[in-house]
Amino acid sequence: MGNDHRTRVTKILIRKAFTDLLKKKPIQSISIKELCEAAQINRGTFYTHYADIYDLLEKMEEEMM
């Protein structure tokens, strides 16, 4: 049960950092390193949940539909 909560919190942090960065620059200019620093997670954690930045965007779009 604890892992599910941590996973949700981690994804929220990633998505918030991503949307904040998207407000400042185009997706092509956002690096995984920069995103992870903004979300305060390590790169391995990002890749546990997403293949790349476009996978993150696609999954966010799917959830909105």
PDB file of N, CA and C in Angstrom:
ATOM      1  N   MET A   1       0.822  -1.184   0.000  1.00  0.00           N
ATOM      2  CA  MET A   1       0.000   0.000   0.000  1.00  0.00           C
ATOM      3  C   MET A   1       0.869   1.252   0.000  1.00  0.00           C
ATOM      4  N   GLY A   2       1.957   1.271   0.748  1.00  0.00           N
ATOM      5  CA  GLY A   2       2.849   2.415   0.794  1.00  0.00           C
ATOM      6  C   GLY A   2       3.454   2.726  -0.554  1.00  0.00           C
ATOM      7  N   ASN A   3       3.775   1.671  -1.318  1.00  0.00           N
ATOM      8  CA  ASN A   3       4.366   1.878  -2.642  1.00  0.00           C
ATOM      9  C   ASN A   3       3.406   2.587  -3.584  1.00  0.00           C
ATOM     10  N   ASP A   4       2.111   2.244  -3.511  1.00  0.00           N
ATOM     11  CA  ASP A   4       1.123   2.891  -4.373  1.00  0.00           C
ATOM     12  C   ASP A   4       1.065   4.388  -4.091  1.00  0.00           C
ATOM     13  N   HIS A   5       1.091   4.750  -2.828  1.00  0.00           N
ATOM     14  CA  HIS A   5       1.057   6.168  -2.450  1.00  0.00           C
ATOM     15  C   HIS A   5       2.311   6.880  -2.944  1.00  0.00           C
ATOM     16  N   ARG A   6       3.454   6.266  -2.746  1.00  0.00           N
ATOM     17  CA  ARG A   6       4.711   6.885  -3.198  1.00  0.00           C
ATOM     18  C   ARG A   6       4.733   7.037  -4.714  1.00  0.00           C
ATOM     19  N   THR A   7       4.221   6.030  -5.408  1.00  0.00           N
ATOM     20  CA  THR A   7       4.165   6.098  -6.873  1.00  0.00           C
ATOM     21  C   THR A   7       3.292   7.261  -7.315  1.00  0.00           C
ATOM     22  N   ARG A   8       2.131   7.407  -6.697  1.00  0.00           N
ATOM     23  CA  ARG A   8       1.235   8.519  -7.043  1.00  0.00           C
ATOM     24  C   ARG A   8       1.900   9.861  -6.775  1.00  0.00           C
ATOM     25  N   VAL A   9       2.537   9.984  -5.618  1.00  0.00           N
ATOM     26  CA  VAL A   9       3.209  11.238  -5.266  1.00  0.00           C
ATOM     27  C   VAL A   9       4.331  11.538  -6.255  1.00  0.00           C
ATOM     28  N   THR A  10       5.112  10.528  -6.601  1.00  0.00           N
ATOM     29  CA  THR A  10       6.211  10.713  -7.555  1.00  0.00           C
ATOM     30  C   THR A  10       5.685  11.179  -8.903  1.00  0.00           C
ATOM     31  N   LYS A  11       4.634  10.550  -9.396  1.00  0.00           N
ATOM     32  CA  LYS A  11       4.067  10.942 -10.686  1.00  0.00           C
ATOM     33  C   LYS A  11       3.516  12.363 -10.641  1.00  0.00           C
ATOM     34  N   ILE A  12       2.929  12.745  -9.536  1.00  0.00           N
ATOM     35  CA  ILE A  12       2.434  14.115  -9.381  1.00  0.00           C
ATOM     36  C   ILE A  12       3.593  15.100  -9.440  1.00  0.00           C
ATOM     37  N   LEU A  13       4.688  14.787  -8.753  1.00  0.00           N
ATOM     38  CA  LEU A  13       5.865  15.662  -8.768  1.00  0.00           C
ATOM     39  C   LEU A  13       6.432  15.799 -10.177  1.00  0.00           C
ATOM     40  N   ILE A  14       6.525  14.682 -10.886  1.00  0.00           N
ATOM     41  CA  ILE A  14       7.052  14.698 -12.254  1.00  0.00           C
ATOM     42  C   ILE A  14       6.159  15.540 -13.156  1.00  0.00           C
ATOM     43  N   ARG A  15       4.875  15.315 -13.077  1.00  0.00           N
ATOM     44  CA  ARG A  15       3.939  16.013 -13.962  1.00  0.00           C
ATOM     45  C   ARG A  15       3.873  17.506 -13.652  1.00  0.00           C
ATOM     46  N   LYS A  16       3.946  17.860 -12.382  1.00  0.00           N
ATOM     47  CA  LYS A  16       3.956  19.288 -12.018  1.00  0.00           C
ATOM     48  C   LYS A  16       5.213  19.956 -12.554  1.00  0.00           C
ATOM     49  N   ALA A  17       6.353  19.322 -12.347  1.00  0.00           N
ATOM     50  CA  ALA A  17       7.608  19.885 -12.852  1.00  0.00           C
ATOM     51  C   ALA A  17       7.558  20.012 -14.374  1.00  0.00           C
ATOM     52  N   PHE A  18       7.008  19.005 -15.029  1.00  0.00           N
ATOM     53  CA  PHE A  18       6.910  19.020 -16.488  1.00  0.00           C
ATOM     54  C   PHE A  18       6.030  20.169 -16.971  1.00  0.00           C
ATOM     55  N   THR A  19       4.860  20.335 -16.379  1.00  0.00           N
ATOM     56  CA  THR A  19       3.974  21.416 -16.812  1.00  0.00           C
ATOM     57  C   THR A  19       4.587  22.782 -16.511  1.00  0.00           C
ATOM     58  N   ASP A  20       5.276  22.907 -15.398  1.00  0.00           N
ATOM     59  CA  ASP A  20       5.958  24.172 -15.086  1.00  0.00           C
ATOM     60  C   ASP A  20       7.028  24.484 -16.135  1.00  0.00           C
ATOM     61  N   LEU A  21       7.800  23.467 -16.512  1.00  0.00           N
ATOM     62  CA  LEU A  21       8.838  23.670 -17.525  1.00  0.00           C
ATOM     63  C   LEU A  21       8.237  23.980 -18.896  1.00  0.00           C
ATOM     64  N   LEU A  22       7.116  23.336 -19.222  1.00  0.00           N
ATOM     65  CA  LEU A  22       6.464  23.584 -20.514  1.00  0.00           C
ATOM     66  C   LEU A  22       5.964  25.021 -20.634  1.00  0.00           C
ATOM     67  N   LYS A  23       5.661  25.635 -19.515  1.00  0.00           N
ATOM     68  CA  LYS A  23       5.225  27.038 -19.534  1.00  0.00           C
ATOM     69  C   LYS A  23       6.378  27.967 -19.906  1.00  0.00           C
ATOM     70  N   LYS A  24       7.596  27.488 -19.684  1.00  0.00           N
ATOM     71  CA  LYS A  24       8.782  28.319 -19.902  1.00  0.00           C
ATOM     72  C   LYS A  24       9.491  28.039 -21.221  1.00  0.00           C
ATOM     73  N   LYS A  25       9.335  26.821 -21.745  1.00  0.00           N
ATOM     74  CA  LYS A  25      10.094  26.452 -22.950  1.00  0.00           C
ATOM     75  C   LYS A  25       9.407  25.318 -23.688  1.00  0.00           C
ATOM     76  N   PRO A  26       9.736  25.127 -24.967  1.00  0.00           N
ATOM     77  CA  PRO A  26       9.133  24.028 -25.734  1.00  0.00           C
ATOM     78  C   PRO A  26       9.658  22.667 -25.261  1.00  0.00           C
ATOM     79  N   ILE A  27       8.870  21.652 -25.521  1.00  0.00           N
ATOM     80  CA  ILE A  27       9.211  20.305 -25.060  1.00  0.00           C
ATOM     81  C   ILE A  27      10.583  19.852 -25.567  1.00  0.00           C
ATOM     82  N   GLN A  28      10.949  20.260 -26.777  1.00  0.00           N
ATOM     83  CA  GLN A  28      12.230  19.847 -27.350  1.00  0.00           C
ATOM     84  C   GLN A  28      13.413  20.384 -26.548  1.00  0.00           C
ATOM     85  N   SER A  29      13.180  21.425 -25.771  1.00  0.00           N
ATOM     86  CA  SER A  29      14.256  22.049 -24.994  1.00  0.00           C
ATOM     87  C   SER A  29      14.328  21.544 -23.560  1.00  0.00           C
ATOM     88  N   ILE A  30      13.418  20.663 -23.182  1.00  0.00           N
ATOM     89  CA  ILE A  30      13.394  20.144 -21.810  1.00  0.00           C
ATOM     90  C   ILE A  30      14.177  18.840 -21.762  1.00  0.00           C
ATOM     91  N   SER A  31      15.189  18.798 -20.929  1.00  0.00           N
ATOM     92  CA  SER A  31      15.969  17.566 -20.773  1.00  0.00           C
ATOM     93  C   SER A  31      15.429  16.760 -19.592  1.00  0.00           C
ATOM     94  N   ILE A  32      15.675  15.466 -19.625  1.00  0.00           N
ATOM     95  CA  ILE A  32      15.278  14.607 -18.509  1.00  0.00           C
ATOM     96  C   ILE A  32      16.000  15.051 -17.243  1.00  0.00           C
ATOM     97  N   LYS A  33      17.257  15.397 -17.376  1.00  0.00           N
ATOM     98  CA  LYS A  33      18.025  15.861 -16.215  1.00  0.00           C
ATOM     99  C   LYS A  33      17.372  17.089 -15.587  1.00  0.00           C
ATOM    100  N   GLU A  34      17.005  18.037 -16.414  1.00  0.00           N
ATOM    101  CA  GLU A  34      16.364  19.265 -15.938  1.00  0.00           C
ATOM    102  C   GLU A  34      15.020  18.954 -15.279  1.00  0.00           C
ATOM    103  N   LEU A  35      14.245  18.088 -15.899  1.00  0.00           N
ATOM    104  CA  LEU A  35      12.951  17.696 -15.355  1.00  0.00           C
ATOM    105  C   LEU A  35      13.110  17.020 -13.998  1.00  0.00           C
ATOM    106  N   CYS A  36      14.063  16.107 -13.904  1.00  0.00           N
ATOM    107  CA  CYS A  36      14.292  15.387 -12.652  1.00  0.00           C
ATOM    108  C   CYS A  36      14.760  16.328 -11.545  1.00  0.00           C
ATOM    109  N   GLU A  37      15.602  17.278 -11.886  1.00  0.00           N
ATOM    110  CA  GLU A  37      16.041  18.256 -10.890  1.00  0.00           C
ATOM    111  C   GLU A  37      14.859  19.077 -10.393  1.00  0.00           C
ATOM    112  N   ALA A  38      13.988  19.484 -11.300  1.00  0.00           N
ATOM    113  CA  ALA A  38      12.816  20.271 -10.920  1.00  0.00           C
ATOM    114  C   ALA A  38      11.854  19.465 -10.046  1.00  0.00           C
ATOM    115  N   ALA A  39      11.734  18.168 -10.335  1.00  0.00           N
ATOM    116  CA  ALA A  39      10.838  17.298  -9.569  1.00  0.00           C
ATOM    117  C   ALA A  39      11.505  16.740  -8.313  1.00  0.00           C
ATOM    118  N   GLN A  40      12.798  16.956  -8.184  1.00  0.00           N
ATOM    119  CA  GLN A  40      13.598  16.457  -7.064  1.00  0.00           C
ATOM    120  C   GLN A  40      13.554  14.933  -6.961  1.00  0.00           C
ATOM    121  N   ILE A  41      13.744  14.304  -8.119  1.00  0.00           N
ATOM    122  CA  ILE A  41      13.839  12.844  -8.189  1.00  0.00           C
ATOM    123  C   ILE A  41      15.091  12.498  -8.982  1.00  0.00           C
ATOM    124  N   ASN A  42      15.494  11.221  -8.939  1.00  0.00           N
ATOM    125  CA  ASN A  42      16.640  10.837  -9.773  1.00  0.00           C
ATOM    126  C   ASN A  42      16.145  10.304 -11.122  1.00  0.00           C
ATOM    127  N   ARG A  43      17.057  10.271 -12.070  1.00  0.00           N
ATOM    128  CA  ARG A  43      16.689   9.861 -13.431  1.00  0.00           C
ATOM    129  C   ARG A  43      16.141   8.441 -13.476  1.00  0.00           C
ATOM    130  N   GLY A  44      16.693   7.564 -12.667  1.00  0.00           N
ATOM    131  CA  GLY A  44      16.200   6.189 -12.631  1.00  0.00           C
ATOM    132  C   GLY A  44      14.730   6.123 -12.261  1.00  0.00           C
ATOM    133  N   THR A  45      14.328   6.982 -11.349  1.00  0.00           N
ATOM    134  CA  THR A  45      12.921   7.036 -10.951  1.00  0.00           C
ATOM    135  C   THR A  45      12.052   7.466 -12.125  1.00  0.00           C
ATOM    136  N   PHE A  46      12.508   8.466 -12.858  1.00  0.00           N
ATOM    137  CA  PHE A  46      11.752   8.900 -14.038  1.00  0.00           C
ATOM    138  C   PHE A  46      11.577   7.730 -15.002  1.00  0.00           C
ATOM    139  N   TYR A  47      12.677   7.037 -15.310  1.00  0.00           N
ATOM    140  CA  TYR A  47      12.627   5.953 -16.292  1.00  0.00           C
ATOM    141  C   TYR A  47      11.880   4.722 -15.780  1.00  0.00           C
ATOM    142  N   THR A  48      11.647   4.630 -14.493  1.00  0.00           N
ATOM    143  CA  THR A  48      10.798   3.567 -13.954  1.00  0.00           C
ATOM    144  C   THR A  48       9.357   3.753 -14.426  1.00  0.00           C
ATOM    145  N   HIS A  49       8.968   5.006 -14.598  1.00  0.00           N
ATOM    146  CA  HIS A  49       7.580   5.320 -14.936  1.00  0.00           C
ATOM    147  C   HIS A  49       7.352   5.675 -16.403  1.00  0.00           C
ATOM    148  N   TYR A  50       8.376   6.222 -17.067  1.00  0.00           N
ATOM    149  CA  TYR A  50       8.210   6.717 -18.434  1.00  0.00           C
ATOM    150  C   TYR A  50       9.422   6.356 -19.282  1.00  0.00           C
ATOM    151  N   ALA A  51       9.187   6.092 -20.562  1.00  0.00           N
ATOM    152  CA  ALA A  51      10.283   5.754 -21.481  1.00  0.00           C
ATOM    153  C   ALA A  51      11.102   6.988 -21.847  1.00  0.00           C
ATOM    154  N   ASP A  52      10.413   8.106 -22.018  1.00  0.00           N
ATOM    155  CA  ASP A  52      11.063   9.372 -22.365  1.00  0.00           C
ATOM    156  C   ASP A  52      10.065  10.500 -22.125  1.00  0.00           C
ATOM    157  N   ILE A  53      10.452  11.702 -22.465  1.00  0.00           N
ATOM    158  CA  ILE A  53       9.598  12.862 -22.196  1.00  0.00           C
ATOM    159  C   ILE A  53       8.315  12.821 -23.025  1.00  0.00           C
ATOM    160  N   TYR A  54       8.392  12.232 -24.216  1.00  0.00           N
ATOM    161  CA  TYR A  54       7.205  12.134 -25.066  1.00  0.00           C
ATOM    162  C   TYR A  54       6.235  11.077 -24.535  1.00  0.00           C
ATOM    163  N   ASP A  55       6.753  10.046 -23.907  1.00  0.00           N
ATOM    164  CA  ASP A  55       5.911   9.047 -23.249  1.00  0.00           C
ATOM    165  C   ASP A  55       5.156   9.703 -22.093  1.00  0.00           C
ATOM    166  N   LEU A  56       5.836  10.533 -21.335  1.00  0.00           N
ATOM    167  CA  LEU A  56       5.191  11.283 -20.250  1.00  0.00           C
ATOM    168  C   LEU A  56       4.059  12.137 -20.812  1.00  0.00           C
ATOM    169  N   LEU A  57       4.325  12.882 -21.862  1.00  0.00           N
ATOM    170  CA  LEU A  57       3.308  13.734 -22.480  1.00  0.00           C
ATOM    171  C   LEU A  57       2.123  12.903 -22.958  1.00  0.00           C
ATOM    172  N   GLU A  58       2.397  11.788 -23.617  1.00  0.00           N
ATOM    173  CA  GLU A  58       1.331  10.921 -24.129  1.00  0.00           C
ATOM    174  C   GLU A  58       0.465  10.385 -22.995  1.00  0.00           C
ATOM    175  N   LYS A  59       1.087   9.950 -21.913  1.00  0.00           N
ATOM    176  CA  LYS A  59       0.319   9.405 -20.786  1.00  0.00           C
ATOM    177  C   LYS A  59      -0.512  10.490 -20.110  1.00  0.00           C
ATOM    178  N   MET A  60       0.017  11.697 -20.048  1.00  0.00           N
ATOM    179  CA  MET A  60      -0.763  12.801 -19.487  1.00  0.00           C
ATOM    180  C   MET A  60      -1.967  13.109 -20.376  1.00  0.00           C
ATOM    181  N   GLU A  61      -1.767  13.093 -21.687  1.00  0.00           N
ATOM    182  CA  GLU A  61      -2.868  13.345 -22.625  1.00  0.00           C
ATOM    183  C   GLU A  61      -3.929  12.256 -22.524  1.00  0.00           C
ATOM    184  N   GLU A  62      -3.509  10.996 -22.401  1.00  0.00           N
ATOM    185  CA  GLU A  62      -4.451   9.877 -22.286  1.00  0.00           C
ATOM    186  C   GLU A  62      -5.324  10.025 -21.052  1.00  0.00           C
ATOM    187  N   GLU A  63      -4.744  10.480 -19.953  1.00  0.00           N
ATOM    188  CA  GLU A  63      -5.513  10.635 -18.719  1.00  0.00           C
ATOM    189  C   GLU A  63      -6.541  11.752 -18.818  1.00  0.00           C
ATOM    190  N   MET A  64      -6.301  12.712 -19.697  1.00  0.00           N
ATOM    191  CA  MET A  64      -7.234  13.826 -19.845  1.00  0.00           C
ATOM    192  C   MET A  64      -8.451  13.456 -20.682  1.00  0.00           C
ATOM    193  N   MET A  65      -8.355  12.367 -21.432  1.00  0.00           N
ATOM    194  CA  MET A  65      -9.461  11.976 -22.316  1.00  0.00           C
ATOM    195  C   MET A  65     -10.472  11.130 -21.599  1.00  0.00           C
TER     196      MET A  65
END
